[in-house]
Amino acid sequence: MTNNRRLFLKQAAVLTGAFSATSLFNQAHAEAWHEAEQKVAHLTPQQVAEDEDFWGVIQRAYSVSTNIMILNNGGVSPSPIVVQEAVERYNKLANEGPSYFMWRILDQGREPLREKLALLAGTLADEIAVNRNATEALNTIIYGLPLTKGDEVIATRQDYPHMRQAYHQRALRDGIVHKELSFDFPIENDEQIVKVYADAITPKTKLIHVTHVINWVGQIMPVRKICDMAHAKGIEVIVDGAHSFGLLDFKISDLHCDYFGTSLHKFLSAPIGSGMLWIKKEKIAKVWPLLCDDNPQSGDIRKFENIGTRSFPIEQGIGEAINFHLAIGSKRKEERIRYLKDYWASRVQHVPKVKLHTSLKPAYSCAICGVTIDGMTPQELDGALFGKYKIHTTSIVIENIKCVRITPHVYTTIADMDKLVKAITEIAGTVKG
């Protein structure tokens, strides 16, 4: 085979890559997953959630450590093996000639990725920008909106710190008013939550910021109801979807929001350092890009992707993560992860001294659940879980929330959950008083 022929085939493979019938996912899993899917095709997503044979096939597609149990997937999730292999394969290719393979070949993979993300998100492709994480996406909107002195933004003290800090900086720089509400979760009443936002609105309110799934305790917020209420008053809504996209079975268009940002390296299991920004088509032109663009007031979503030299192999990895996600099925995935959360949480909620800080009703939580043990600080409980049982969680101490956050994923097994239940029960039994 001639060198030109080899180069042509290599280029053709790159241009299709994760977005073709010859994707790494299809090569590695198509046959086995099809067989597993056929066995549960007659079951509801809730029934599939309890089928351990089906999830065993998916669990084997990960390379997670057997030395520690990872239950902080709310921070960052491991990627499936095919996603890791995609990044490695295209990173090696890029290093054969970076300025050629990155900018002339791999860079052409972003448009197929944009289309695939739009399919998953239920939006137009020209409304989606690919970036590095939810912080970058949401900060782009927060700093890019044409807010002026005296304009009010309604948010909460339970929002993610990077977003709170961004509004604080705009308040210092531009004189906007950042009004922070506060909630005591869990709350199992949509109207109660919506009313708190509605009561805070004044004639100067221009924007409401809502976290779709509260990072710390997993409370699912009634985003659509908040958006509809806000729009009736002429107010825009920005949604932090860092913990909802790739977990909950929804389309961004279902939310009725104006702006949305997410990390793809959480529940979608895309490569670490990948994210997505969505802006409603007719609003793109008024949002200034965070980094420079030759036409910053254009209506082209791509103006938000000028971040300099980037990792093009990661974009192929995102494509494989979407393949992986779609093969499972969004609703099945949501129900499985909720089932795992409910499995452990329902078994410890009546253990003496144990307290849950998250609703177990499906409408108000899915993967994330906060837990405490009376007589222990969150840091002490987090340390005890890891020190004796090698269970990795994270302690949360922010505003009025103090707990240990526990977050399983599709690779988590029932045996893992049983070990967690045993650990919490034993630890609670050692606390005096």
Protein backbone atom coordinates (compact mmCIF):
# COMPACT_ATOMS: atom_id res chain seq x y z
CA MET A 1 0.00 0.00 0.00
CA THR A 2 1.37 3.42 -0.90
CA ASN A 3 1.98 6.11 1.68
CA ASN A 4 -0.67 8.31 0.05
CA ARG A 5 -3.19 5.49 0.31
CA ARG A 6 -2.40 4.94 3.99
CA LEU A 7 -2.78 8.67 4.66
CA PHE A 8 -6.12 8.74 2.83
CA LEU A 9 -7.48 5.85 4.88
CA LYS A 10 -6.25 7.41 8.11
CA GLN A 11 -7.94 10.70 7.25
CA ALA A 12 -11.18 8.95 6.32
CA ALA A 13 -11.21 7.07 9.62
CA VAL A 14 -10.71 10.28 11.57
CA LEU A 15 -13.43 12.18 9.76
CA THR A 16 -15.98 9.50 10.67
CA GLY A 17 -14.51 8.11 13.89
CA ALA A 18 -16.98 8.10 16.75
CA PHE A 19 -19.74 9.25 14.43
CA SER A 20 -19.85 6.23 12.13
CA ALA A 21 -20.89 2.58 12.07
CA THR A 22 -17.21 1.72 12.61
CA SER A 23 -16.97 3.62 15.90
CA LEU A 24 -14.89 2.08 18.67
CA PHE A 25 -18.11 1.51 20.61
CA ASN A 26 -19.63 -0.54 17.80
CA GLN A 27 -16.42 -2.49 17.33
CA ALA A 28 -16.16 -3.32 21.04
CA HIS A 29 -19.75 -3.67 22.22
CA ALA A 30 -22.33 -3.84 19.44
CA GLU A 31 -22.81 -7.61 19.48
CA ALA A 32 -22.80 -8.22 23.23
CA TRP A 33 -24.92 -5.18 24.01
CA HIS A 34 -27.45 -6.06 21.33
CA GLU A 35 -27.85 -9.50 22.88
CA ALA A 36 -28.26 -8.01 26.36
CA GLU A 37 -30.75 -5.45 25.11
CA GLN A 38 -32.88 -8.10 23.41
CA LYS A 39 -33.28 -9.92 26.71
CA VAL A 40 -34.79 -6.85 28.43
CA ALA A 41 -36.58 -5.25 25.48
CA HIS A 42 -39.98 -6.24 26.90
CA LEU A 43 -39.30 -4.67 30.31
CA THR A 44 -40.01 -1.13 31.50
CA PRO A 45 -37.02 1.09 32.39
CA GLN A 46 -37.87 0.61 36.06
CA GLN A 47 -37.80 -3.16 35.64
CA VAL A 48 -34.53 -3.04 33.68
CA ALA A 49 -33.05 -1.02 36.55
CA GLU A 50 -33.17 -4.18 38.69
CA ASP A 51 -31.86 -6.61 36.07
CA GLU A 52 -28.31 -7.32 37.26
CA ASP A 53 -27.40 -9.39 34.19
CA PHE A 54 -28.07 -6.41 31.91
CA TRP A 55 -26.06 -4.00 34.05
CA GLY A 56 -23.27 -6.53 34.43
CA VAL A 57 -22.59 -6.16 30.69
CA ILE A 58 -22.29 -2.39 31.12
CA GLN A 59 -20.18 -2.61 34.27
CA ARG A 60 -17.57 -4.67 32.41
CA ALA A 61 -17.10 -1.79 29.96
CA TYR A 62 -15.41 0.31 32.68
CA SER A 63 -11.91 0.02 34.11
CA VAL A 64 -12.60 1.42 37.57
CA SER A 65 -10.32 0.54 40.46
CA THR A 66 -11.04 -2.58 42.46
CA ASN A 67 -9.02 -1.22 45.40
CA ILE A 68 -11.39 1.62 46.26
CA MET A 69 -15.12 2.15 45.74
CA ILE A 70 -15.81 5.39 43.87
CA LEU A 71 -19.03 7.01 45.10
CA ASN A 72 -18.24 10.61 44.22
CA ASN A 73 -19.46 10.52 40.63
CA GLY A 74 -21.12 13.85 41.31
CA GLY A 75 -17.61 15.30 41.13
CA VAL A 76 -16.34 13.55 38.02
CA SER A 77 -17.14 10.15 36.54
CA PRO A 78 -14.70 7.67 35.01
CA SER A 79 -14.98 7.18 31.27
CA PRO A 80 -15.76 3.78 29.76
CA ILE A 81 -12.81 1.99 28.21
CA VAL A 82 -13.88 2.84 24.64
CA VAL A 83 -13.90 6.53 25.51
CA GLN A 84 -10.42 6.28 26.98
CA GLU A 85 -9.22 4.39 23.90
CA ALA A 86 -10.66 7.01 21.55
CA VAL A 87 -8.78 9.79 23.32
CA GLU A 88 -5.57 7.75 23.34
CA ARG A 89 -5.90 6.75 19.68
CA TYR A 90 -6.47 10.27 18.41
CA ASN A 91 -3.91 11.77 20.75
CA LYS A 92 -1.31 9.46 19.22
CA LEU A 93 -2.47 10.48 15.76
CA ALA A 94 -2.27 14.17 16.65
CA ASN A 95 1.30 13.72 17.81
CA GLU A 96 2.33 12.26 14.46
CA GLY A 97 2.03 15.81 13.16
CA PRO A 98 0.08 18.17 15.45
CA SER A 99 -0.41 21.18 13.20
CA TYR A 100 -1.62 18.95 10.37
CA PHE A 101 -3.65 16.23 12.07
CA MET A 102 -5.12 18.55 14.73
CA TRP A 103 -6.16 21.54 12.65
CA ARG A 104 -6.71 20.04 9.22
CA ILE A 105 -8.14 16.64 10.14
CA LEU A 106 -9.34 16.28 13.75
CA ASP A 107 -10.84 19.76 13.83
CA GLN A 108 -13.34 18.62 11.22
CA GLY A 109 -14.84 16.24 13.77
CA ARG A 110 -16.49 19.04 15.73
CA GLU A 111 -19.43 19.51 13.40
CA PRO A 112 -20.52 15.84 13.56
CA LEU A 113 -20.11 16.10 17.35
CA ARG A 114 -22.26 19.22 17.44
CA GLU A 115 -24.98 17.36 15.53
CA LYS A 116 -24.78 14.40 17.90
CA LEU A 117 -24.97 16.57 21.00
CA ALA A 118 -27.95 18.40 19.51
CA LEU A 119 -29.72 15.07 19.00
CA LEU A 120 -29.13 14.15 22.61
CA ALA A 121 -30.10 17.61 23.87
CA GLY A 122 -33.17 18.00 21.66
CA THR A 123 -31.98 21.31 20.23
CA LEU A 124 -30.66 22.84 17.02
CA ALA A 125 -27.02 22.06 16.31
CA ASP A 126 -26.38 25.77 15.77
CA GLU A 127 -27.32 26.41 19.40
CA ILE A 128 -24.54 24.25 20.87
CA ALA A 129 -20.91 25.10 21.56
CA VAL A 130 -18.39 22.50 22.72
CA ASN A 131 -16.13 23.60 25.57
CA ARG A 132 -14.39 22.30 28.69
CA ASN A 133 -16.90 22.28 31.56
CA ALA A 134 -20.02 23.80 33.10
CA THR A 135 -18.04 26.60 34.75
CA GLU A 136 -16.73 27.78 31.38
CA ALA A 137 -20.16 27.49 29.77
CA LEU A 138 -22.04 29.31 32.51
CA ASN A 139 -19.36 31.97 33.04
CA THR A 140 -19.51 32.67 29.32
CA ILE A 141 -23.19 33.54 29.71
CA ILE A 142 -22.87 35.33 33.05
CA TYR A 143 -20.09 37.63 31.81
CA GLY A 144 -21.49 37.86 28.28
CA LEU A 145 -25.02 39.06 28.99
CA PRO A 146 -25.51 42.83 28.54
CA LEU A 147 -26.48 43.53 32.14
CA THR A 148 -25.99 47.06 33.46
CA LYS A 149 -25.85 48.84 36.81
CA GLY A 150 -28.91 48.14 38.90
CA ASP A 151 -30.05 45.07 36.94
CA GLU A 152 -30.99 42.25 39.29
CA VAL A 153 -30.10 38.56 39.07
CA ILE A 154 -31.92 36.10 41.32
CA ALA A 155 -29.93 33.03 42.34
CA THR A 156 -29.40 30.97 45.52
CA ARG A 157 -26.81 30.37 48.18
CA GLN A 158 -26.95 26.70 47.22
CA ASP A 159 -25.69 27.33 43.65
CA TYR A 160 -22.19 26.23 42.67
CA PRO A 161 -19.45 28.56 44.02
CA HIS A 162 -17.94 29.35 40.60
CA MET A 163 -21.26 30.77 39.45
CA ARG A 164 -21.84 32.70 42.66
CA GLN A 165 -18.36 34.16 42.35
CA ALA A 166 -18.98 35.17 38.74
CA TYR A 167 -22.10 37.13 39.69
CA HIS A 168 -20.21 38.68 42.59
CA GLN A 169 -17.51 39.86 40.20
CA ARG A 170 -20.12 41.36 37.88
CA ALA A 171 -21.62 43.13 40.88
CA LEU A 172 -18.21 44.58 41.77
CA ARG A 173 -17.35 45.48 38.18
CA ASP A 174 -20.68 46.55 36.71
CA GLY A 175 -22.92 47.29 39.66
CA ILE A 176 -25.48 44.55 39.00
CA VAL A 177 -27.45 43.28 42.00
CA HIS A 178 -26.93 39.60 42.87
CA LYS A 179 -29.84 38.50 45.05
CA GLU A 180 -29.32 35.11 46.71
CA LEU A 181 -32.23 33.10 48.00
CA SER A 182 -31.75 30.20 50.42
CA PHE A 183 -33.52 26.85 50.62
CA ASP A 184 -33.60 24.15 53.28
CA PHE A 185 -33.57 20.92 51.31
CA PRO A 186 -35.12 18.46 50.80
CA ILE A 187 -38.30 20.12 49.54
CA GLU A 188 -41.07 18.02 48.02
CA ASN A 189 -43.29 20.82 46.74
CA ASP A 190 -42.68 22.49 43.36
CA GLU A 191 -45.00 25.41 44.04
CA GLN A 192 -43.18 26.24 47.26
CA ILE A 193 -39.89 26.52 45.37
CA VAL A 194 -41.36 28.53 42.48
CA LYS A 195 -43.02 30.94 44.90
CA VAL A 196 -39.72 31.78 46.58
CA TYR A 197 -38.27 32.84 43.20
CA ALA A 198 -41.45 34.69 42.22
CA ASP A 199 -41.59 36.63 45.49
CA ALA A 200 -38.02 37.86 44.97
CA ILE A 201 -38.78 39.45 41.58
CA THR A 202 -38.83 43.23 41.24
CA PRO A 203 -39.17 45.53 38.21
CA LYS A 204 -35.35 45.48 37.99
CA THR A 205 -35.04 41.67 37.75
CA LYS A 206 -33.53 40.64 34.40
CA LEU A 207 -32.31 37.08 35.01
CA ILE A 208 -32.96 34.03 37.17
CA HIS A 209 -30.20 31.46 37.68
CA VAL A 210 -31.37 27.91 38.51
CA THR A 211 -29.33 24.83 39.31
CA HIS A 212 -31.24 21.91 37.76
CA VAL A 213 -29.90 19.35 40.23
CA ILE A 214 -28.46 20.89 43.39
CA ASN A 215 -24.84 19.77 43.47
CA TRP A 216 -24.65 19.09 47.18
CA VAL A 217 -27.76 17.03 47.98
CA GLY A 218 -29.27 16.14 44.59
CA GLN A 219 -32.53 18.09 44.89
CA ILE A 220 -34.18 18.26 41.45
CA MET A 221 -35.51 21.76 40.92
CA PRO A 222 -38.76 22.49 39.01
CA VAL A 223 -36.91 24.24 36.21
CA ARG A 224 -39.70 24.36 33.64
CA LYS A 225 -42.16 25.85 36.14
CA ILE A 226 -39.61 28.46 37.15
CA CYS A 227 -38.90 29.28 33.51
CA ASP A 228 -42.58 29.62 32.63
CA MET A 229 -43.17 31.87 35.64
CA ALA A 230 -40.15 34.02 34.77
CA HIS A 231 -41.01 34.34 31.09
CA ALA A 232 -44.52 35.49 31.97
CA LYS A 233 -42.80 38.42 33.67
CA GLY A 234 -40.31 39.06 30.84
CA ILE A 235 -37.34 37.55 32.70
CA GLU A 236 -34.72 35.22 31.21
CA VAL A 237 -33.49 32.02 32.86
CA ILE A 238 -30.03 30.44 32.86
CA VAL A 239 -29.81 26.78 33.94
CA ASP A 240 -26.82 25.03 35.49
CA GLY A 241 -27.21 21.48 34.16
CA ALA A 242 -23.89 20.11 35.38
CA HIS A 243 -25.56 17.29 37.32
CA SER A 244 -28.60 16.68 35.13
CA PHE A 245 -27.32 16.27 31.56
CA GLY A 246 -26.53 12.61 30.87
CA LEU A 247 -28.39 11.58 34.03
CA LEU A 248 -32.01 12.67 33.77
CA ASP A 249 -34.07 11.72 30.74
CA PHE A 250 -34.96 15.15 29.35
CA LYS A 251 -34.35 17.49 26.45
CA ILE A 252 -33.10 21.02 26.99
CA SER A 253 -36.04 22.20 24.93
CA ASP A 254 -38.34 20.63 27.56
CA LEU A 255 -37.06 23.09 30.18
CA HIS A 256 -38.15 26.28 28.37
CA CYS A 257 -34.94 28.00 29.51
CA ASP A 258 -32.88 30.56 27.59
CA TYR A 259 -29.35 29.44 28.47
CA PHE A 260 -27.89 26.11 29.63
CA GLY A 261 -24.41 24.92 30.57
CA THR A 262 -23.12 21.50 31.57
CA SER A 263 -20.08 19.33 32.12
CA LEU A 264 -19.95 16.19 30.01
CA HIS A 265 -17.45 14.42 32.26
CA LYS A 266 -20.01 13.72 34.97
CA PHE A 267 -22.94 11.42 34.19
CA LEU A 268 -22.34 11.29 30.44
CA SER A 269 -18.90 9.78 31.26
CA ALA A 270 -17.16 11.79 28.53
CA PRO A 271 -13.44 12.59 28.83
CA ILE A 272 -12.37 14.72 31.79
CA GLY A 273 -12.39 18.37 30.79
CA SER A 274 -15.33 18.37 28.36
CA GLY A 275 -18.46 20.50 28.48
CA MET A 276 -21.28 22.05 26.49
CA LEU A 277 -22.92 25.46 26.20
CA TRP A 278 -26.44 25.95 24.83
CA ILE A 279 -28.01 29.29 23.96
CA LYS A 280 -31.40 29.77 22.34
CA LYS A 281 -30.79 30.68 18.70
CA GLU A 282 -32.25 34.18 18.77
CA LYS A 283 -30.24 35.13 21.88
CA ILE A 284 -26.75 34.17 20.68
CA ALA A 285 -25.99 37.52 19.06
CA LYS A 286 -26.46 39.54 22.25
CA VAL A 287 -24.11 37.39 24.36
CA TRP A 288 -20.48 38.47 24.24
CA PRO A 289 -17.94 35.62 24.04
CA LEU A 290 -15.77 35.08 27.09
CA LEU A 291 -12.66 35.02 24.89
CA CYS A 292 -12.05 37.19 21.82
CA ASP A 293 -13.73 36.71 18.45
CA ASP A 294 -13.45 38.73 15.24
CA ASN A 295 -17.23 39.21 15.25
CA PRO A 296 -18.29 39.07 18.91
CA GLN A 297 -21.87 40.18 18.22
CA SER A 298 -22.58 37.57 15.55
CA GLY A 299 -25.33 35.01 15.87
CA ASP A 300 -22.93 32.11 15.25
CA ILE A 301 -22.60 29.80 18.28
CA ARG A 302 -19.05 29.00 17.18
CA LYS A 303 -17.86 32.38 18.44
CA PHE A 304 -17.82 30.78 21.90
CA GLU A 305 -15.33 28.09 20.84
CA ASN A 306 -12.31 30.33 20.30
CA ILE A 307 -10.34 29.06 23.28
CA GLY A 308 -7.01 28.71 21.47
CA THR A 309 -5.28 25.36 21.07
CA ARG A 310 -7.55 22.64 22.41
CA SER A 311 -7.62 18.85 22.77
CA PHE A 312 -9.25 17.60 19.58
CA PRO A 313 -8.95 13.93 20.69
CA ILE A 314 -11.32 14.73 23.57
CA GLU A 315 -14.02 15.57 21.05
CA GLN A 316 -13.80 12.08 19.55
CA GLY A 317 -14.02 10.78 23.11
CA ILE A 318 -17.23 12.75 23.68
CA GLY A 319 -18.67 11.11 20.58
CA GLU A 320 -17.93 7.64 21.93
CA ALA A 321 -19.45 8.60 25.30
CA ILE A 322 -22.66 9.58 23.52
CA ASN A 323 -22.63 6.24 21.67
CA PHE A 324 -22.29 4.51 25.03
CA HIS A 325 -25.08 6.53 26.60
CA LEU A 326 -27.54 6.06 23.75
CA ALA A 327 -26.91 2.32 23.67
CA ILE A 328 -28.00 2.09 27.31
CA GLY A 329 -30.96 4.41 26.84
CA SER A 330 -31.47 7.69 28.71
CA LYS A 331 -34.49 6.56 30.72
CA ARG A 332 -32.96 3.20 31.62
CA LYS A 333 -29.82 4.94 32.80
CA GLU A 334 -31.76 7.41 34.93
CA GLU A 335 -33.82 4.66 36.52
CA ARG A 336 -30.81 2.45 37.22
CA ILE A 337 -28.87 5.17 38.98
CA ARG A 338 -31.94 6.22 40.96
CA TYR A 339 -32.47 2.56 41.89
CA LEU A 340 -28.90 2.32 43.21
CA LYS A 341 -29.35 5.50 45.27
CA ASP A 342 -32.68 4.32 46.66
CA TYR A 343 -31.20 0.86 47.35
CA TRP A 344 -28.63 2.09 49.85
CA ALA A 345 -30.50 5.13 51.16
CA SER A 346 -33.71 3.24 51.97
CA ARG A 347 -31.69 0.65 53.91
CA VAL A 348 -29.91 3.14 56.16
CA GLN A 349 -32.59 5.78 56.68
CA HIS A 350 -33.98 4.03 59.78
CA VAL A 351 -30.60 3.14 61.27
CA PRO A 352 -30.23 4.97 64.63
CA LYS A 353 -28.30 8.27 64.31
CA VAL A 354 -28.37 8.19 60.48
CA LYS A 355 -30.10 11.07 58.70
CA LEU A 356 -30.74 11.56 54.99
CA HIS A 357 -30.67 15.07 53.51
CA THR A 358 -32.28 14.16 50.18
CA SER A 359 -35.82 13.21 49.20
CA LEU A 360 -36.36 9.63 48.05
CA LYS A 361 -39.31 10.63 45.85
CA PRO A 362 -38.44 10.17 42.14
CA ALA A 363 -39.53 13.69 41.19
CA TYR A 364 -37.05 15.25 43.58
CA SER A 365 -33.86 13.19 43.37
CA CYS A 366 -31.98 10.68 41.26
CA ALA A 367 -28.30 9.86 41.82
CA ILE A 368 -27.07 12.12 44.59
CA CYS A 369 -27.98 11.66 48.25
CA GLY A 370 -26.63 13.40 51.32
CA VAL A 371 -26.21 11.54 54.61
CA THR A 372 -25.00 12.33 58.12
CA ILE A 373 -24.52 10.42 61.37
CA ASP A 374 -25.35 12.23 64.60
CA GLY A 375 -22.23 12.87 66.61
CA MET A 376 -19.93 12.99 63.57
CA THR A 377 -18.94 15.85 61.31
CA PRO A 378 -19.20 15.28 57.55
CA GLN A 379 -15.41 15.23 57.39
CA GLU A 380 -15.26 12.55 60.08
CA LEU A 381 -17.82 10.37 58.32
CA ASP A 382 -16.08 10.81 54.98
CA GLY A 383 -12.78 9.84 56.63
CA ALA A 384 -14.28 6.80 58.34
CA LEU A 385 -15.82 5.51 55.12
CA PHE A 386 -12.51 5.67 53.34
CA GLY A 387 -10.17 4.81 56.20
CA LYS A 388 -11.74 1.47 57.10
CA TYR A 389 -13.85 0.57 54.06
CA LYS A 390 -12.03 2.28 51.16
CA ILE A 391 -15.28 3.98 50.09
CA HIS A 392 -14.54 7.31 48.44
CA THR A 393 -17.22 9.95 48.96
CA THR A 394 -17.01 13.68 49.58
CA SER A 395 -17.91 15.81 52.59
CA ILE A 396 -20.05 18.87 51.92
CA VAL A 397 -19.96 21.91 54.18
CA ILE A 398 -21.45 24.90 52.36
CA GLU A 399 -23.91 27.47 53.65
CA ASN A 400 -26.70 25.55 55.44
CA ILE A 401 -25.76 22.15 53.97
CA LYS A 402 -23.54 19.83 55.97
CA CYS A 403 -23.44 16.18 54.91
CA VAL A 404 -21.54 13.48 53.04
CA ARG A 405 -22.54 13.31 49.37
CA ILE A 406 -22.81 9.82 47.92
CA THR A 407 -23.23 9.31 44.19
CA PRO A 408 -23.25 5.94 42.38
CA HIS A 409 -23.11 5.46 38.60
CA VAL A 410 -23.97 2.72 36.10
CA TYR A 411 -20.74 0.86 36.82
CA THR A 412 -21.62 0.67 40.54
CA THR A 413 -22.74 -2.80 41.63
CA ILE A 414 -25.32 -3.99 44.13
CA ALA A 415 -22.44 -5.57 46.06
CA ASP A 416 -20.95 -2.07 46.33
CA MET A 417 -24.22 -0.76 47.72
CA ASP A 418 -24.40 -3.59 50.25
CA LYS A 419 -20.89 -2.75 51.40
CA LEU A 420 -21.87 0.90 51.78
CA VAL A 421 -24.95 0.00 53.84
CA LYS A 422 -22.83 -2.23 56.08
CA ALA A 423 -20.23 0.53 56.50
CA ILE A 424 -22.73 3.24 57.44
CA THR A 425 -24.54 0.91 59.84
CA GLU A 426 -21.30 -0.14 61.55
CA ILE A 427 -19.99 3.43 61.79
CA ALA A 428 -23.28 4.66 63.26
CA GLY A 429 -23.10 1.87 65.83
CA THR A 430 -19.72 3.09 67.09
CA VAL A 431 -20.87 6.63 67.85
CA LYS A 432 -21.48 7.18 71.56
CA GLY A 433 -24.38 9.14 72.98
